[in-house]
Amino acid sequence: MLRKRYIMLMLAMISIASHAQKTEREYLRSGNKQYNDSLYVDAEINYRKALDVNPESADAMYDLGNTLLMQEKGKEAIEQYENSARLEKDKSKLAEIYHNMGVILQMSKQYAECIEAYKESLRNNPHDDETRYNLALAQKMLKDQQQQQQNRDQNQQQKQEQQKDDQQQNKDQQDQQNKQQQQNQQQQNQDQMSKENAEQLLNAVMQDEKNVQDKVKKQIQLRGKKLEKDW
């Protein structure tokens, strides 16, 4: 009896699992049909329902990534592709996953990462000429990007050096002006001191001359008195 109940339980579990797998496929078929009709939002809903049924479905992740890409949700699409790549074993599907990742990265000008994605795609499918063309184009665009960055860095460096030269030139001019002002001030001070010294000397000479005249007058007066007394 126990064995029979066990068998019935196993049959029920198999039936449930079979129903779950069928439901996943139905969601995927519905999503694919809507994707082909450019109904990307509806397709996304069905792909997510497929993942609800089977969270480990690499196909649902890949298809979800595609419909997110068509909705210009590149970052979210990349996440789904990465999840799918971790589970997918089929080389042809892996090649498609990495090719699409490369397209998103190329569109966002992440050329270094884009090149690695294309290379990984070619490792899984070396005969994909479209991926090989995209790889060559991405390599050229990376080279151009690096050259442009180098030119910008050189221009920025030259600009900074020019600014330093201008600042040094302005500083030298300011120093020269300050030095000239100091020299002019010193010259004015010297001229002022010379004028004051000359006035002092003139005053001293005039004072000495006055003293001499006073002495002469006194001597004359004394002589006069003596003469009067002698008379």
C-alpha atoms as a PDB file:
ATOM      1  CA  MET A   1       0.000   0.000   0.000  1.00  0.00           C
ATOM      2  CA  LEU A   2       2.741   2.373   0.890  1.00  0.00           C
ATOM      3  CA  ARG A   3       4.542   1.507  -2.297  1.00  0.00           C
ATOM      4  CA  LYS A   4       1.425   2.231  -4.363  1.00  0.00           C
ATOM      5  CA  ARG A   5       0.919   5.596  -2.682  1.00  0.00           C
ATOM      6  CA  TYR A   6       4.560   6.397  -3.297  1.00  0.00           C
ATOM      7  CA  ILE A   7       4.153   5.579  -6.986  1.00  0.00           C
ATOM      8  CA  MET A   8       1.066   7.771  -7.218  1.00  0.00           C
ATOM      9  CA  LEU A   9       2.919  10.627  -5.553  1.00  0.00           C
ATOM     10  CA  MET A  10       5.803  10.308  -7.988  1.00  0.00           C
ATOM     11  CA  LEU A  11       3.392  10.307 -10.924  1.00  0.00           C
ATOM     12  CA  ALA A  12       1.757  13.461  -9.596  1.00  0.00           C
ATOM     13  CA  MET A  13       5.153  15.202  -9.250  1.00  0.00           C
ATOM     14  CA  ILE A  14       6.109  14.172 -12.772  1.00  0.00           C
ATOM     15  CA  SER A  15       2.808  15.486 -14.056  1.00  0.00           C
ATOM     16  CA  ILE A  16       3.348  18.809 -12.287  1.00  0.00           C
ATOM     17  CA  ALA A  17       6.915  19.073 -13.611  1.00  0.00           C
ATOM     18  CA  SER A  18       5.744  18.212 -17.099  1.00  0.00           C
ATOM     19  CA  HIS A  19       3.043  20.864 -16.879  1.00  0.00           C
ATOM     20  CA  ALA A  20       5.589  23.421 -15.616  1.00  0.00           C
ATOM     21  CA  GLN A  21       7.952  22.700 -18.531  1.00  0.00           C
ATOM     22  CA  LYS A  22       5.112  22.948 -21.018  1.00  0.00           C
ATOM     23  CA  THR A  23       4.024  26.262 -19.494  1.00  0.00           C
ATOM     24  CA  GLU A  24       7.563  27.589 -19.852  1.00  0.00           C
ATOM     25  CA  ARG A  25       7.587  26.647 -23.522  1.00  0.00           C
ATOM     26  CA  GLU A  26       4.187  28.245 -24.020  1.00  0.00           C
ATOM     27  CA  TYR A  27       5.399  31.490 -22.508  1.00  0.00           C
ATOM     28  CA  LEU A  28       8.470  31.388 -24.700  1.00  0.00           C
ATOM     29  CA  ARG A  29       6.419  30.739 -27.836  1.00  0.00           C
ATOM     30  CA  SER A  30       4.048  33.587 -26.987  1.00  0.00           C
ATOM     31  CA  GLY A  31       6.964  35.887 -26.257  1.00  0.00           C
ATOM     32  CA  ASN A  32       8.690  34.990 -29.516  1.00  0.00           C
ATOM     33  CA  LYS A  33       5.546  35.664 -31.515  1.00  0.00           C
ATOM     34  CA  GLN A  34       5.105  39.071 -29.862  1.00  0.00           C
ATOM     35  CA  TYR A  35       8.810  39.810 -30.373  1.00  0.00           C
ATOM     36  CA  ASN A  36       8.491  39.086 -34.100  1.00  0.00           C
ATOM     37  CA  ASP A  37       5.480  41.416 -34.201  1.00  0.00           C
ATOM     38  CA  SER A  38       7.588  44.146 -32.498  1.00  0.00           C
ATOM     39  CA  LEU A  39       5.422  43.955 -29.366  1.00  0.00           C
ATOM     40  CA  TYR A  40       8.478  44.096 -27.151  1.00  0.00           C
ATOM     41  CA  VAL A  41       6.759  45.029 -23.877  1.00  0.00           C
ATOM     42  CA  ASP A  42       4.317  42.144 -24.206  1.00  0.00           C
ATOM     43  CA  ALA A  43       7.161  39.823 -25.140  1.00  0.00           C
ATOM     44  CA  GLU A  44       9.087  40.910 -22.075  1.00  0.00           C
ATOM     45  CA  ILE A  45       6.124  40.000 -19.862  1.00  0.00           C
ATOM     46  CA  ASN A  46       5.942  36.490 -21.295  1.00  0.00           C
ATOM     47  CA  TYR A  47       9.690  35.920 -21.017  1.00  0.00           C
ATOM     48  CA  ARG A  48       9.602  36.967 -17.384  1.00  0.00           C
ATOM     49  CA  LYS A  49       6.705  34.577 -16.775  1.00  0.00           C
ATOM     50  CA  ALA A  50       8.795  31.832 -18.315  1.00  0.00           C
ATOM     51  CA  LEU A  51      11.557  32.675 -15.844  1.00  0.00           C
ATOM     52  CA  ASP A  52       9.072  32.563 -12.996  1.00  0.00           C
ATOM     53  CA  VAL A  53       8.306  28.991 -13.997  1.00  0.00           C
ATOM     54  CA  ASN A  54      11.969  28.092 -14.568  1.00  0.00           C
ATOM     55  CA  PRO A  55      14.496  30.588 -13.101  1.00  0.00           C
ATOM     56  CA  GLU A  56      17.330  28.582 -14.697  1.00  0.00           C
ATOM     57  CA  SER A  57      16.051  28.902 -18.263  1.00  0.00           C
ATOM     58  CA  ALA A  58      18.963  30.147 -20.367  1.00  0.00           C
ATOM     59  CA  ASP A  59      16.642  30.532 -23.356  1.00  0.00           C
ATOM     60  CA  ALA A  60      14.238  32.779 -21.439  1.00  0.00           C
ATOM     61  CA  MET A  61      17.142  34.911 -20.210  1.00  0.00           C
ATOM     62  CA  TYR A  62      18.515  35.263 -23.731  1.00  0.00           C
ATOM     63  CA  ASP A  63      15.128  36.100 -25.223  1.00  0.00           C
ATOM     64  CA  LEU A  64      14.447  38.565 -22.420  1.00  0.00           C
ATOM     65  CA  GLY A  65      17.813  40.188 -23.128  1.00  0.00           C
ATOM     66  CA  ASN A  66      16.860  40.574 -26.788  1.00  0.00           C
ATOM     67  CA  THR A  67      13.534  42.260 -26.093  1.00  0.00           C
ATOM     68  CA  LEU A  68      15.167  44.553 -23.516  1.00  0.00           C
ATOM     69  CA  LEU A  69      17.747  45.485 -26.137  1.00  0.00           C
ATOM     70  CA  MET A  70      14.982  46.410 -28.584  1.00  0.00           C
ATOM     71  CA  GLN A  71      13.527  48.666 -25.867  1.00  0.00           C
ATOM     72  CA  GLU A  72      16.942  50.385 -25.555  1.00  0.00           C
ATOM     73  CA  LYS A  73      17.489  49.000 -22.055  1.00  0.00           C
ATOM     74  CA  GLY A  74      21.072  48.059 -22.728  1.00  0.00           C
ATOM     75  CA  LYS A  75      22.263  47.656 -19.142  1.00  0.00           C
ATOM     76  CA  GLU A  76      19.388  45.332 -18.236  1.00  0.00           C
ATOM     77  CA  ALA A  77      19.888  43.371 -21.451  1.00  0.00           C
ATOM     78  CA  ILE A  78      23.580  42.856 -20.646  1.00  0.00           C
ATOM     79  CA  GLU A  79      22.623  41.430 -17.247  1.00  0.00           C
ATOM     80  CA  GLN A  80      20.282  38.896 -18.866  1.00  0.00           C
ATOM     81  CA  TYR A  81      22.906  37.903 -21.443  1.00  0.00           C
ATOM     82  CA  GLU A  82      25.489  37.387 -18.714  1.00  0.00           C
ATOM     83  CA  ASN A  83      23.063  35.231 -16.748  1.00  0.00           C
ATOM     84  CA  SER A  84      22.257  33.214 -19.845  1.00  0.00           C
ATOM     85  CA  ALA A  85      25.942  32.752 -20.741  1.00  0.00           C
ATOM     86  CA  ARG A  86      26.655  31.238 -17.311  1.00  0.00           C
ATOM     87  CA  LEU A  87      24.029  28.531 -17.917  1.00  0.00           C
ATOM     88  CA  GLU A  88      24.181  27.977 -21.669  1.00  0.00           C
ATOM     89  CA  LYS A  89      26.211  25.008 -22.963  1.00  0.00           C
ATOM     90  CA  ASP A  90      25.449  25.234 -26.661  1.00  0.00           C
ATOM     91  CA  LYS A  91      28.318  26.966 -28.475  1.00  0.00           C
ATOM     92  CA  SER A  92      26.165  28.430 -31.241  1.00  0.00           C
ATOM     93  CA  LYS A  93      23.848  30.027 -28.674  1.00  0.00           C
ATOM     94  CA  LEU A  94      26.829  31.272 -26.670  1.00  0.00           C
ATOM     95  CA  ALA A  95      28.171  32.882 -29.849  1.00  0.00           C
ATOM     96  CA  GLU A  96      24.856  34.711 -30.310  1.00  0.00           C
ATOM     97  CA  ILE A  97      24.818  35.831 -26.677  1.00  0.00           C
ATOM     98  CA  TYR A  98      28.314  37.324 -26.803  1.00  0.00           C
ATOM     99  CA  HIS A  99      27.678  38.857 -30.228  1.00  0.00           C
ATOM    100  CA  ASN A 100      24.671  40.739 -28.872  1.00  0.00           C
ATOM    101  CA  MET A 101      26.611  41.797 -25.789  1.00  0.00           C
ATOM    102  CA  GLY A 102      29.270  43.195 -28.117  1.00  0.00           C
ATOM    103  CA  VAL A 103      26.658  45.167 -30.060  1.00  0.00           C
ATOM    104  CA  ILE A 104      25.353  46.817 -26.871  1.00  0.00           C
ATOM    105  CA  LEU A 105      28.861  47.640 -25.652  1.00  0.00           C
ATOM    106  CA  GLN A 106      29.781  49.015 -29.081  1.00  0.00           C
ATOM    107  CA  MET A 107      26.713  51.246 -29.110  1.00  0.00           C
ATOM    108  CA  SER A 108      27.722  52.657 -25.719  1.00  0.00           C
ATOM    109  CA  LYS A 109      31.321  53.203 -26.968  1.00  0.00           C
ATOM    110  CA  GLN A 110      32.782  50.721 -24.488  1.00  0.00           C
ATOM    111  CA  TYR A 111      35.109  49.456 -27.161  1.00  0.00           C
ATOM    112  CA  ALA A 112      37.568  47.517 -25.011  1.00  0.00           C
ATOM    113  CA  GLU A 113      34.784  45.452 -23.416  1.00  0.00           C
ATOM    114  CA  CYS A 114      33.031  45.194 -26.777  1.00  0.00           C
ATOM    115  CA  ILE A 115      36.142  43.679 -28.383  1.00  0.00           C
ATOM    116  CA  GLU A 116      36.373  41.020 -25.679  1.00  0.00           C
ATOM    117  CA  ALA A 117      32.707  40.089 -26.197  1.00  0.00           C
ATOM    118  CA  TYR A 118      33.211  39.702 -29.956  1.00  0.00           C
ATOM    119  CA  LYS A 119      36.315  37.598 -29.400  1.00  0.00           C
ATOM    120  CA  GLU A 120      34.394  35.324 -27.051  1.00  0.00           C
ATOM    121  CA  SER A 121      31.656  35.024 -29.666  1.00  0.00           C
ATOM    122  CA  LEU A 122      34.221  33.983 -32.299  1.00  0.00           C
ATOM    123  CA  ARG A 123      35.716  31.420 -29.935  1.00  0.00           C
ATOM    124  CA  ASN A 124      32.338  29.714 -29.925  1.00  0.00           C
ATOM    125  CA  ASN A 125      31.686  30.263 -33.635  1.00  0.00           C
ATOM    126  CA  PRO A 126      34.845  31.068 -35.604  1.00  0.00           C
ATOM    127  CA  HIS A 127      32.939  31.176 -38.899  1.00  0.00           C
ATOM    128  CA  ASP A 128      30.702  34.151 -38.085  1.00  0.00           C
ATOM    129  CA  ASP A 129      31.801  36.819 -40.578  1.00  0.00           C
ATOM    130  CA  GLU A 130      29.432  39.446 -39.193  1.00  0.00           C
ATOM    131  CA  THR A 131      30.995  39.154 -35.746  1.00  0.00           C
ATOM    132  CA  ARG A 132      34.468  39.283 -37.299  1.00  0.00           C
ATOM    133  CA  TYR A 133      33.538  42.463 -39.176  1.00  0.00           C
ATOM    134  CA  ASN A 134      32.125  44.026 -35.995  1.00  0.00           C
ATOM    135  CA  LEU A 135      35.319  43.092 -34.163  1.00  0.00           C
ATOM    136  CA  ALA A 136      37.516  44.796 -36.777  1.00  0.00           C
ATOM    137  CA  LEU A 137      35.313  47.880 -36.686  1.00  0.00           C
ATOM    138  CA  ALA A 138      35.394  47.992 -32.878  1.00  0.00           C
ATOM    139  CA  GLN A 139      39.191  47.695 -32.882  1.00  0.00           C
ATOM    140  CA  LYS A 140      39.461  50.635 -35.285  1.00  0.00           C
ATOM    141  CA  MET A 141      37.028  52.695 -33.215  1.00  0.00           C
ATOM    142  CA  LEU A 142      39.006  51.899 -30.053  1.00  0.00           C
ATOM    143  CA  LYS A 143      42.204  53.054 -31.762  1.00  0.00           C
ATOM    144  CA  ASP A 144      40.511  56.270 -32.895  1.00  0.00           C
ATOM    145  CA  GLN A 145      39.104  56.806 -29.410  1.00  0.00           C
ATOM    146  CA  GLN A 146      42.536  56.361 -27.832  1.00  0.00           C
ATOM    147  CA  GLN A 147      44.083  58.754 -30.372  1.00  0.00           C
ATOM    148  CA  GLN A 148      41.418  61.353 -29.658  1.00  0.00           C
ATOM    149  CA  GLN A 149      41.987  60.967 -25.933  1.00  0.00           C
ATOM    150  CA  GLN A 150      45.719  61.330 -26.449  1.00  0.00           C
ATOM    151  CA  ASN A 151      45.160  64.502 -28.462  1.00  0.00           C
ATOM    152  CA  ARG A 152      42.876  65.879 -25.755  1.00  0.00           C
ATOM    153  CA  ASP A 153      45.467  65.083 -23.110  1.00  0.00           C
ATOM    154  CA  GLN A 154      48.186  66.802 -25.134  1.00  0.00           C
ATOM    155  CA  ASN A 155      46.008  69.855 -25.720  1.00  0.00           C
ATOM    156  CA  GLN A 156      45.154  69.982 -22.041  1.00  0.00           C
ATOM    157  CA  GLN A 157      48.807  69.704 -21.100  1.00  0.00           C
ATOM    158  CA  GLN A 158      49.767  72.452 -23.548  1.00  0.00           C
ATOM    159  CA  LYS A 159      46.970  74.619 -22.205  1.00  0.00           C
ATOM    160  CA  GLN A 160      48.158  74.096 -18.637  1.00  0.00           C
ATOM    161  CA  GLU A 161      51.750  74.859 -19.614  1.00  0.00           C
ATOM    162  CA  GLN A 162      50.626  78.018 -21.439  1.00  0.00           C
ATOM    163  CA  GLN A 163      48.667  79.081 -18.359  1.00  0.00           C
ATOM    164  CA  LYS A 164      51.771  78.536 -16.222  1.00  0.00           C
ATOM    165  CA  ASP A 165      53.875  80.583 -18.665  1.00  0.00           C
ATOM    166  CA  ASP A 166      51.281  83.360 -18.672  1.00  0.00           C
ATOM    167  CA  GLN A 167      51.118  83.336 -14.882  1.00  0.00           C
ATOM    168  CA  GLN A 168      54.915  83.458 -14.631  1.00  0.00           C
ATOM    169  CA  GLN A 169      55.068  86.272 -17.184  1.00  0.00           C
ATOM    170  CA  ASN A 170      52.424  88.240 -15.274  1.00  0.00           C
ATOM    171  CA  LYS A 171      54.326  87.617 -12.060  1.00  0.00           C
ATOM    172  CA  ASP A 172      57.588  88.802 -13.630  1.00  0.00           C
ATOM    173  CA  GLN A 173      55.857  91.917 -14.937  1.00  0.00           C
ATOM    174  CA  GLN A 174      54.311  92.589 -11.545  1.00  0.00           C
ATOM    175  CA  ASP A 175      57.659  92.074  -9.837  1.00  0.00           C
ATOM    176  CA  GLN A 176      59.285  94.448 -12.314  1.00  0.00           C
ATOM    177  CA  GLN A 177      56.591  97.052 -11.691  1.00  0.00           C
ATOM    178  CA  ASN A 178      56.981  96.691  -7.939  1.00  0.00           C
ATOM    179  CA  LYS A 179      60.732  96.985  -8.247  1.00  0.00           C
ATOM    180  CA  GLN A 180      60.395 100.105 -10.416  1.00  0.00           C
ATOM    181  CA  GLN A 181      57.945 101.620  -7.943  1.00  0.00           C
ATOM    182  CA  GLN A 182      60.353 100.929  -5.103  1.00  0.00           C
ATOM    183  CA  GLN A 183      63.203 102.517  -7.039  1.00  0.00           C
ATOM    184  CA  ASN A 184      61.066 105.561  -7.840  1.00  0.00           C
ATOM    185  CA  GLN A 185      60.064 105.861  -4.213  1.00  0.00           C
ATOM    186  CA  GLN A 186      63.681 105.580  -3.093  1.00  0.00           C
ATOM    187  CA  GLN A 187      64.689 108.232  -5.627  1.00  0.00           C
ATOM    188  CA  GLN A 188      61.911 110.510  -4.401  1.00  0.00           C
ATOM    189  CA  ASN A 189      63.029 109.965  -0.842  1.00  0.00           C
ATOM    190  CA  GLN A 190      66.615 110.706  -1.769  1.00  0.00           C
ATOM    191  CA  ASP A 191      65.563 113.854  -3.660  1.00  0.00           C
ATOM    192  CA  GLN A 192      63.498 114.953  -0.698  1.00  0.00           C
ATOM    193  CA  MET A 193      66.387 114.328   1.684  1.00  0.00           C
ATOM    194  CA  SER A 194      68.788 116.209  -0.607  1.00  0.00           C
ATOM    195  CA  LYS A 195      66.430 119.186  -0.730  1.00  0.00           C
ATOM    196  CA  GLU A 196      66.033 119.172   3.043  1.00  0.00           C
ATOM    197  CA  ASN A 197      69.797 118.863   3.528  1.00  0.00           C
ATOM    198  CA  ALA A 198      70.384 121.765   1.162  1.00  0.00           C
ATOM    199  CA  GLU A 199      67.863 123.885   3.065  1.00  0.00           C
ATOM    200  CA  GLN A 200      69.486 122.936   6.355  1.00  0.00           C
ATOM    201  CA  LEU A 201      72.908 123.777   5.014  1.00  0.00           C
ATOM    202  CA  LEU A 202      71.642 127.082   3.620  1.00  0.00           C
ATOM    203  CA  ASN A 203      70.010 127.909   6.912  1.00  0.00           C
ATOM    204  CA  ALA A 204      73.199 126.994   8.740  1.00  0.00           C
ATOM    205  CA  VAL A 205      75.278 129.193   6.430  1.00  0.00           C
ATOM    206  CA  MET A 206      72.851 132.045   6.819  1.00  0.00           C
ATOM    207  CA  GLN A 207      72.907 131.632  10.583  1.00  0.00           C
ATOM    208  CA  ASP A 208      76.706 131.599  10.618  1.00  0.00           C
ATOM    209  CA  GLU A 209      76.797 134.689   8.452  1.00  0.00           C
ATOM    210  CA  LYS A 210      74.375 136.420  10.807  1.00  0.00           C
ATOM    211  CA  ASN A 211      76.528 135.467  13.774  1.00  0.00           C
ATOM    212  CA  VAL A 212      79.573 136.838  12.047  1.00  0.00           C
ATOM    213  CA  GLN A 213      77.790 140.080  11.240  1.00  0.00           C
ATOM    214  CA  ASP A 214      76.620 140.372  14.824  1.00  0.00           C
ATOM    215  CA  LYS A 215      80.174 139.952  16.076  1.00  0.00           C
ATOM    216  CA  VAL A 216      81.460 142.575  13.653  1.00  0.00           C
ATOM    217  CA  LYS A 217      78.792 145.006  14.755  1.00  0.00           C
ATOM    218  CA  LYS A 218      79.687 144.450  18.385  1.00  0.00           C
ATOM    219  CA  GLN A 219      83.347 145.057  17.699  1.00  0.00           C
ATOM    220  CA  ILE A 220      82.532 148.224  15.847  1.00  0.00           C
ATOM    221  CA  GLN A 221      80.408 149.453  18.688  1.00  0.00           C
ATOM    222  CA  LEU A 222      83.138 148.672  21.216  1.00  0.00           C
ATOM    223  CA  ARG A 223      85.708 150.585  19.263  1.00  0.00           C
ATOM    224  CA  GLY A 224      83.422 153.495  18.990  1.00  0.00           C
ATOM    225  CA  LYS A 225      82.944 153.571  22.716  1.00  0.00           C
ATOM    226  CA  LYS A 226      86.643 153.396  23.320  1.00  0.00           C
ATOM    227  CA  LEU A 227      87.247 156.273  20.978  1.00  0.00           C
ATOM    228  CA  GLU A 228      84.649 158.366  22.636  1.00  0.00           C
ATOM    229  CA  LYS A 229      86.173 157.637  26.003  1.00  0.00           C
ATOM    230  CA  ASP A 230      89.633 158.518  24.804  1.00  0.00           C
ATOM    231  CA  TRP A 231      88.384 161.787  23.461  1.00  0.00           C
END
